[in-house]
N, C-alpha and C. Protein backbone atom coordinates (compact mmCIF):
# COMPACT_ATOMS: atom_id res chain seq x y z
N MET A 1 140.08 45.06 119.34
CA MET A 1 138.78 44.99 119.96
C MET A 1 138.86 45.28 121.45
N ALA A 2 139.90 44.76 122.05
CA ALA A 2 140.01 45.04 123.55
C ALA A 2 140.07 46.56 123.87
N LYS A 3 140.82 47.19 122.96
CA LYS A 3 140.94 48.74 123.28
C LYS A 3 139.58 49.32 123.14
N THR A 4 138.74 48.96 122.18
CA THR A 4 137.49 49.54 121.96
C THR A 4 136.58 49.13 123.18
N TYR A 5 136.60 47.89 123.60
CA TYR A 5 135.90 47.54 124.76
C TYR A 5 136.31 48.32 126.07
N GLY A 6 137.60 48.50 126.17
CA GLY A 6 138.05 49.37 127.34
C GLY A 6 137.51 50.75 127.36
N LEU A 7 137.46 51.34 126.01
CA LEU A 7 136.97 52.69 125.94
C LEU A 7 135.46 52.68 126.24
N ILE A 8 134.67 51.80 125.68
CA ILE A 8 133.28 51.73 125.99
C ILE A 8 133.01 51.57 127.39
N GLY A 9 133.86 50.74 128.09
CA GLY A 9 133.71 50.56 129.61
C GLY A 9 133.97 51.89 130.36
N LEU A 10 135.07 52.63 129.92
CA LEU A 10 135.35 53.85 130.51
C LEU A 10 134.19 54.88 130.32
N TYR A 11 133.73 55.03 129.05
CA TYR A 11 132.72 56.00 128.74
C TYR A 11 131.43 55.59 129.40
N SER A 12 131.18 54.28 129.45
CA SER A 12 129.98 53.89 130.16
C SER A 12 129.83 54.39 131.65
N ARG A 13 131.00 54.21 132.28
CA ARG A 13 131.13 54.57 133.66
C ARG A 13 130.87 56.17 133.86
N ILE A 14 131.47 56.97 132.84
CA ILE A 14 131.27 58.43 132.96
C ILE A 14 129.83 58.71 132.77
N VAL A 15 129.04 58.02 131.97
CA VAL A 15 127.64 58.37 131.74
C VAL A 15 126.80 57.51 132.70
N ASN A 16 127.38 56.97 133.71
CA ASN A 16 126.78 56.24 134.77
C ASN A 16 125.96 54.95 134.33
N LYS A 17 126.47 54.25 133.30
CA LYS A 17 125.93 53.10 132.92
C LYS A 17 126.91 52.02 133.52
N ILE A 18 126.78 51.76 134.73
CA ILE A 18 127.76 50.98 135.53
C ILE A 18 127.78 49.48 135.09
N GLU A 19 126.60 48.92 134.84
CA GLU A 19 126.64 47.57 134.41
C GLU A 19 127.25 47.32 133.06
N ASP A 20 127.00 48.26 132.10
CA ASP A 20 127.76 48.35 130.87
C ASP A 20 129.12 48.44 131.05
N SER A 21 129.51 49.33 131.89
CA SER A 21 131.01 49.60 132.17
C SER A 21 131.65 48.30 132.75
N LYS A 22 131.06 47.63 133.64
CA LYS A 22 131.66 46.44 134.19
C LYS A 22 131.69 45.24 133.16
N LYS A 23 130.61 45.22 132.29
CA LYS A 23 130.59 44.23 131.22
C LYS A 23 131.82 44.44 130.24
N TYR A 24 131.91 45.67 129.64
CA TYR A 24 132.87 45.90 128.55
C TYR A 24 134.29 45.95 129.20
N LEU A 25 134.50 46.34 130.44
CA LEU A 25 135.77 46.33 130.94
C LEU A 25 136.20 44.89 131.35
N SER A 26 135.30 44.11 131.69
CA SER A 26 135.64 42.59 131.94
C SER A 26 135.96 41.93 130.64
N LEU A 27 135.30 42.32 129.61
CA LEU A 27 135.64 41.79 128.17
C LEU A 27 137.00 42.14 127.80
N ALA A 28 137.32 43.42 127.98
CA ALA A 28 138.65 43.98 127.64
C ALA A 28 139.72 43.28 128.33
N ILE A 29 139.53 43.16 129.75
CA ILE A 29 140.44 42.45 130.58
C ILE A 29 140.60 41.00 130.20
N GLU A 30 139.62 40.32 129.80
CA GLU A 30 139.82 38.92 129.32
C GLU A 30 140.72 38.94 128.07
N MET A 31 140.37 39.84 127.10
CA MET A 31 141.16 39.85 125.99
C MET A 31 142.58 40.26 126.19
N ASN A 32 142.89 41.19 127.06
CA ASN A 32 144.23 41.62 127.46
C ASN A 32 145.03 40.44 128.06
N ILE A 33 144.37 39.62 128.95
CA ILE A 33 144.95 38.43 129.41
C ILE A 33 145.32 37.44 128.38
N GLN A 34 144.42 37.18 127.47
CA GLN A 34 144.61 36.25 126.43
C GLN A 34 145.79 36.68 125.43
N SER A 35 145.82 37.96 125.22
CA SER A 35 146.86 38.50 124.27
C SER A 35 148.18 38.71 124.98
N GLY A 36 148.22 38.76 126.37
CA GLY A 36 149.38 39.09 127.11
C GLY A 36 149.74 40.56 127.02
N ASN A 37 148.84 41.38 126.91
CA ASN A 37 148.95 42.92 126.83
C ASN A 37 148.96 43.32 128.33
N HIS A 38 149.98 43.41 128.98
CA HIS A 38 149.94 43.68 130.37
C HIS A 38 149.74 45.20 130.69
N LYS A 39 150.15 46.12 129.82
CA LYS A 39 149.92 47.47 129.94
C LYS A 39 148.43 47.82 129.84
N SER A 40 147.76 47.23 128.85
CA SER A 40 146.36 47.53 128.69
C SER A 40 145.44 46.79 129.80
N LEU A 41 145.95 45.71 130.20
CA LEU A 41 145.29 44.97 131.29
C LEU A 41 145.31 45.94 132.53
N PHE A 42 146.49 46.44 132.84
CA PHE A 42 146.68 47.29 133.99
C PHE A 42 145.68 48.38 133.99
N VAL A 43 145.67 49.12 132.83
CA VAL A 43 144.79 50.28 132.64
C VAL A 43 143.32 49.95 132.75
N ASN A 44 142.96 48.76 132.19
CA ASN A 44 141.52 48.39 132.23
C ASN A 44 141.12 47.97 133.58
N GLU A 45 142.05 47.38 134.35
CA GLU A 45 141.74 46.97 135.71
C GLU A 45 141.63 48.27 136.58
N LEU A 46 142.45 49.33 136.27
CA LEU A 46 142.30 50.59 137.04
C LEU A 46 140.92 51.14 136.66
N ARG A 47 140.55 51.15 135.37
CA ARG A 47 139.20 51.61 135.07
C ARG A 47 138.14 50.85 135.78
N LEU A 48 138.26 49.56 135.94
CA LEU A 48 137.24 48.64 136.54
C LEU A 48 137.16 49.14 138.01
N ALA A 49 138.35 49.29 138.64
CA ALA A 49 138.40 49.70 139.95
C ALA A 49 137.45 50.91 140.25
N HIS A 50 137.67 51.95 139.31
CA HIS A 50 136.88 53.16 139.39
C HIS A 50 135.41 52.82 139.22
N THR A 51 135.08 51.89 138.43
CA THR A 51 133.63 51.56 138.18
C THR A 51 133.05 50.97 139.51
N TYR A 52 133.83 50.08 140.16
CA TYR A 52 133.37 49.62 141.39
C TYR A 52 133.26 50.73 142.54
N GLN A 53 134.24 51.61 142.44
CA GLN A 53 134.17 52.75 143.40
C GLN A 53 132.92 53.47 143.11
N TRP A 54 132.51 53.80 141.81
CA TRP A 54 131.34 54.58 141.53
C TRP A 54 129.98 54.00 141.95
N GLU A 55 130.06 52.59 141.90
CA GLU A 55 128.86 51.96 142.39
C GLU A 55 128.87 51.59 143.92
N THR A 56 129.92 52.20 144.54
CA THR A 56 130.14 52.10 146.03
C THR A 56 130.26 50.65 146.37
N ASN A 57 130.87 49.79 145.48
CA ASN A 57 131.23 48.46 145.84
C ASN A 57 132.71 48.47 146.35
N TYR A 58 132.89 49.04 147.51
CA TYR A 58 134.17 49.24 147.98
C TYR A 58 135.02 47.99 148.40
N HIS A 59 134.40 46.85 148.64
CA HIS A 59 135.04 45.57 148.77
C HIS A 59 135.82 45.36 147.52
N LYS A 60 135.12 45.40 146.39
CA LYS A 60 135.87 45.14 145.07
C LYS A 60 136.85 46.29 144.71
N SER A 61 136.47 47.44 144.87
CA SER A 61 137.38 48.53 144.54
C SER A 61 138.66 48.52 145.36
N ASN A 62 138.44 48.39 146.68
CA ASN A 62 139.60 48.28 147.53
C ASN A 62 140.54 47.10 147.19
N LYS A 63 140.01 46.03 146.89
CA LYS A 63 140.82 44.82 146.58
C LYS A 63 141.56 45.12 145.11
N LEU A 64 140.92 45.62 144.17
CA LEU A 64 141.56 45.95 142.88
C LEU A 64 142.57 47.11 142.94
N PHE A 65 142.17 48.12 143.69
CA PHE A 65 143.18 49.20 143.94
C PHE A 65 144.48 48.78 144.64
N LYS A 66 144.26 47.94 145.63
CA LYS A 66 145.43 47.47 146.44
C LYS A 66 146.28 46.53 145.46
N LYS A 67 145.75 45.79 144.63
CA LYS A 67 146.46 44.94 143.66
C LYS A 67 147.22 45.81 142.76
N LEU A 68 146.56 46.80 142.24
CA LEU A 68 147.25 47.69 141.31
C LEU A 68 148.40 48.57 141.95
N LYS A 69 148.18 48.91 143.20
CA LYS A 69 149.24 49.62 144.03
C LYS A 69 150.39 48.81 144.09
N GLU A 70 150.24 47.59 144.54
CA GLU A 70 151.32 46.60 144.79
C GLU A 70 152.02 46.37 143.48
N GLN A 71 151.31 46.26 142.37
CA GLN A 71 151.95 46.06 141.11
C GLN A 71 152.75 47.22 140.70
N SER A 72 152.31 48.42 140.83
CA SER A 72 152.98 49.56 140.34
C SER A 72 154.05 49.90 141.29
N GLU A 73 154.03 49.56 142.59
CA GLU A 73 155.16 49.67 143.53
C GLU A 73 156.30 48.68 143.32
N SER A 74 156.02 47.60 142.74
CA SER A 74 157.03 46.52 142.63
C SER A 74 157.41 46.12 141.31
N ASP A 75 156.64 46.49 140.31
CA ASP A 75 156.91 46.12 138.81
C ASP A 75 157.31 47.31 137.98
N THR A 76 158.53 47.41 137.52
CA THR A 76 158.90 48.57 136.71
C THR A 76 158.09 48.81 135.41
N GLU A 77 157.35 47.78 134.96
CA GLU A 77 156.47 47.91 133.78
C GLU A 77 155.32 48.85 134.10
N HIS A 78 154.86 48.87 135.36
CA HIS A 78 153.72 49.65 135.72
C HIS A 78 154.12 50.85 136.71
N SER A 79 155.36 51.05 136.84
CA SER A 79 155.78 52.15 137.97
C SER A 79 155.42 53.54 137.49
N ASN A 80 155.24 53.68 136.14
CA ASN A 80 154.88 55.10 135.65
C ASN A 80 153.49 55.42 136.06
N TYR A 81 152.70 54.53 136.47
CA TYR A 81 151.34 54.72 136.79
C TYR A 81 151.19 54.91 138.42
N LEU A 82 152.33 54.82 139.13
CA LEU A 82 152.15 54.89 140.49
C LEU A 82 151.46 56.06 141.10
N ASP A 83 151.82 57.26 140.57
CA ASP A 83 151.20 58.47 141.04
C ASP A 83 149.71 58.48 140.71
N SER A 84 149.28 57.97 139.57
CA SER A 84 147.76 57.88 139.32
C SER A 84 147.04 56.85 140.24
N VAL A 85 147.76 55.84 140.44
CA VAL A 85 147.18 54.69 141.31
C VAL A 85 147.01 55.28 142.72
N TYR A 86 148.13 56.00 143.27
CA TYR A 86 147.96 56.65 144.62
C TYR A 86 146.80 57.63 144.70
N GLN A 87 146.79 58.41 143.70
CA GLN A 87 145.67 59.58 143.67
C GLN A 87 144.40 59.00 143.64
N HIS A 88 144.15 57.89 142.70
CA HIS A 88 142.74 57.39 142.65
C HIS A 88 142.42 56.40 143.82
N TYR A 89 143.50 55.82 144.29
CA TYR A 89 143.20 54.90 145.51
C TYR A 89 142.84 55.89 146.63
N GLY A 90 143.52 57.06 146.85
CA GLY A 90 143.20 58.00 147.76
C GLY A 90 141.75 58.59 147.69
N LYS A 91 141.33 58.68 146.44
CA LYS A 91 140.00 59.22 146.26
C LYS A 91 138.84 58.10 146.62
N ASN A 92 139.22 56.88 146.36
CA ASN A 92 138.49 55.71 146.73
C ASN A 92 138.25 55.73 148.20
N LEU A 93 139.46 55.93 148.96
CA LEU A 93 139.40 55.96 150.40
C LEU A 93 138.64 57.11 150.93
N PHE A 94 138.81 58.25 150.32
CA PHE A 94 138.08 59.49 150.64
C PHE A 94 136.54 59.25 150.57
N ASP A 95 136.11 58.53 149.47
CA ASP A 95 134.67 58.25 149.41
C ASP A 95 134.21 57.38 150.38
N GLN A 96 135.07 56.55 151.17
CA GLN A 96 134.68 55.81 152.24
C GLN A 96 134.90 56.42 153.57
N SER A 97 135.07 57.77 153.58
CA SER A 97 135.20 58.67 154.78
C SER A 97 136.57 58.27 155.53
N GLU A 98 137.57 57.59 154.80
CA GLU A 98 138.87 57.28 155.41
C GLU A 98 139.79 58.36 155.00
N TYR A 99 139.61 59.56 155.61
CA TYR A 99 140.28 60.85 155.16
C TYR A 99 141.76 60.87 155.54
N GLN A 100 142.13 60.29 156.66
CA GLN A 100 143.58 60.27 157.02
C GLN A 100 144.37 59.36 156.08
N LEU A 101 143.86 58.22 155.77
CA LEU A 101 144.43 57.31 154.90
C LEU A 101 144.44 57.78 153.47
N ALA A 102 143.44 58.43 153.09
CA ALA A 102 143.28 59.09 151.77
C ALA A 102 144.35 60.09 151.55
N LEU A 103 144.48 60.92 152.64
CA LEU A 103 145.57 61.98 152.59
C LEU A 103 146.94 61.37 152.48
N LYS A 104 147.27 60.28 153.12
CA LYS A 104 148.51 59.61 152.96
C LYS A 104 148.85 59.31 151.56
N TYR A 105 147.89 58.73 150.90
CA TYR A 105 148.19 58.25 149.45
C TYR A 105 148.15 59.41 148.41
N VAL A 106 147.35 60.50 148.73
CA VAL A 106 147.38 61.67 147.89
C VAL A 106 148.72 62.42 148.04
N LYS A 107 149.18 62.42 149.29
CA LYS A 107 150.52 63.10 149.47
C LYS A 107 151.66 62.31 148.75
N LYS A 108 151.48 60.96 148.78
CA LYS A 108 152.41 60.09 147.94
C LYS A 108 152.48 60.37 146.46
N ALA A 109 151.28 60.60 145.99
CA ALA A 109 151.00 60.98 144.61
C ALA A 109 151.66 62.31 144.34
N LEU A 110 151.45 63.24 145.13
CA LEU A 110 152.03 64.68 144.91
C LEU A 110 153.52 64.58 144.84
N ARG A 111 154.20 63.74 145.77
CA ARG A 111 155.66 63.71 145.77
C ARG A 111 156.18 63.26 144.28
N ILE A 112 155.51 62.27 143.78
CA ILE A 112 155.82 61.79 142.44
C ILE A 112 155.49 62.73 141.39
N ARG A 113 154.38 63.37 141.45
CA ARG A 113 153.93 64.31 140.49
C ARG A 113 154.87 65.59 140.42
N VAL A 114 155.44 66.00 141.63
CA VAL A 114 156.34 67.14 141.62
C VAL A 114 157.58 66.69 140.83
N GLU A 115 158.02 65.51 141.01
CA GLU A 115 159.17 64.96 140.34
C GLU A 115 159.02 65.06 138.85
N LYS A 116 157.78 64.55 138.44
CA LYS A 116 157.40 64.53 136.99
C LYS A 116 157.30 65.96 136.39
N GLY A 117 156.92 66.84 137.27
CA GLY A 117 156.85 68.26 136.80
C GLY A 117 155.55 68.70 136.08
N ASN A 118 154.53 67.85 136.12
CA ASN A 118 153.25 68.15 135.43
C ASN A 118 152.36 69.03 136.31
N LYS A 119 152.37 70.31 135.98
CA LYS A 119 151.72 71.39 136.79
C LYS A 119 150.21 71.05 136.90
N GLU A 120 149.53 70.65 135.93
CA GLU A 120 148.09 70.24 135.88
C GLU A 120 147.86 69.11 137.01
N LEU A 121 148.67 68.15 136.94
CA LEU A 121 148.47 67.10 137.95
C LEU A 121 148.81 67.53 139.32
N ILE A 122 149.94 68.30 139.42
CA ILE A 122 150.28 68.85 140.77
C ILE A 122 149.17 69.70 141.36
N ASP A 123 148.57 70.48 140.58
CA ASP A 123 147.45 71.35 141.07
C ASP A 123 146.33 70.65 141.51
N SER A 124 145.86 69.51 140.73
CA SER A 124 144.83 68.70 141.10
C SER A 124 145.12 67.98 142.40
N THR A 125 146.27 67.50 142.52
CA THR A 125 146.73 66.73 143.79
C THR A 125 146.74 67.63 144.91
N GLU A 126 147.20 68.89 144.75
CA GLU A 126 147.22 69.79 145.91
C GLU A 126 145.78 70.20 146.28
N TYR A 127 144.91 70.22 145.33
CA TYR A 127 143.49 70.46 145.67
C TYR A 127 142.94 69.31 146.43
N ALA A 128 143.23 68.15 146.11
CA ALA A 128 142.72 66.87 146.79
C ALA A 128 143.37 66.90 148.23
N ILE A 129 144.47 67.28 148.35
CA ILE A 129 145.14 67.33 149.71
C ILE A 129 144.34 68.41 150.66
N ASN A 130 144.10 69.52 150.00
CA ASN A 130 143.34 70.57 150.68
C ASN A 130 141.90 70.07 151.17
N ILE A 131 141.27 69.32 150.36
CA ILE A 131 139.92 68.86 150.57
C ILE A 131 140.02 67.77 151.73
N CYS A 132 141.00 66.85 151.64
CA CYS A 132 141.20 65.93 152.83
C CYS A 132 141.54 66.63 154.03
N ASN A 133 142.36 67.60 154.02
CA ASN A 133 142.65 68.42 155.30
C ASN A 133 141.33 69.12 155.84
N GLU A 134 140.55 69.65 154.93
CA GLU A 134 139.29 70.23 155.50
C GLU A 134 138.41 69.21 156.08
N LYS A 135 138.29 67.94 155.43
CA LYS A 135 137.39 67.00 156.14
C LYS A 135 137.88 66.58 157.45
N ILE A 136 139.29 66.34 157.47
CA ILE A 136 139.92 65.98 158.77
C ILE A 136 139.68 66.99 159.83
N LYS A 137 139.68 68.27 159.43
CA LYS A 137 139.57 69.43 160.44
C LYS A 137 138.08 69.42 160.81
N GLN A 138 137.15 69.24 160.00
CA GLN A 138 135.71 69.18 160.38
C GLN A 138 135.40 68.07 161.49
N ILE A 139 136.05 66.92 161.18
CA ILE A 139 135.89 65.87 162.20
C ILE A 139 136.34 66.22 163.49
N LYS A 140 137.55 66.83 163.54
CA LYS A 140 138.11 67.25 164.76
C LYS A 140 137.39 68.32 165.56
N GLU A 141 136.57 69.15 164.88
CA GLU A 141 135.79 70.28 165.49
C GLU A 141 134.59 69.70 166.25
């Protein structure tokens, strides 16, 4: 049931049903905690961080992204998510007009993605770097 709630939460965010997204992701997270499923807990917390970002609740999104970043940097169980966490944390910072800091994390994501060799992810990350650089350039002009 937790997996289903997690997916409902994910898709609710995509169709901009933010309250439903928070509700179902919170239910999934509670079930993940109770069952001790740390991988699904991490994924659903990442989804919830996105939901907070989409509703521009940056206090909560920043807090959750930082927690997930620290977990994936220090815990081998979650280290395979590090590039995704960096990329999405960077996007979260970008949405707050923190372009220099966003660029820092997107570049970190790129280094990992180059090592992994996934061309599609590399391309999307390079695109994000270009967008960050454009914003930084606009500010300086």
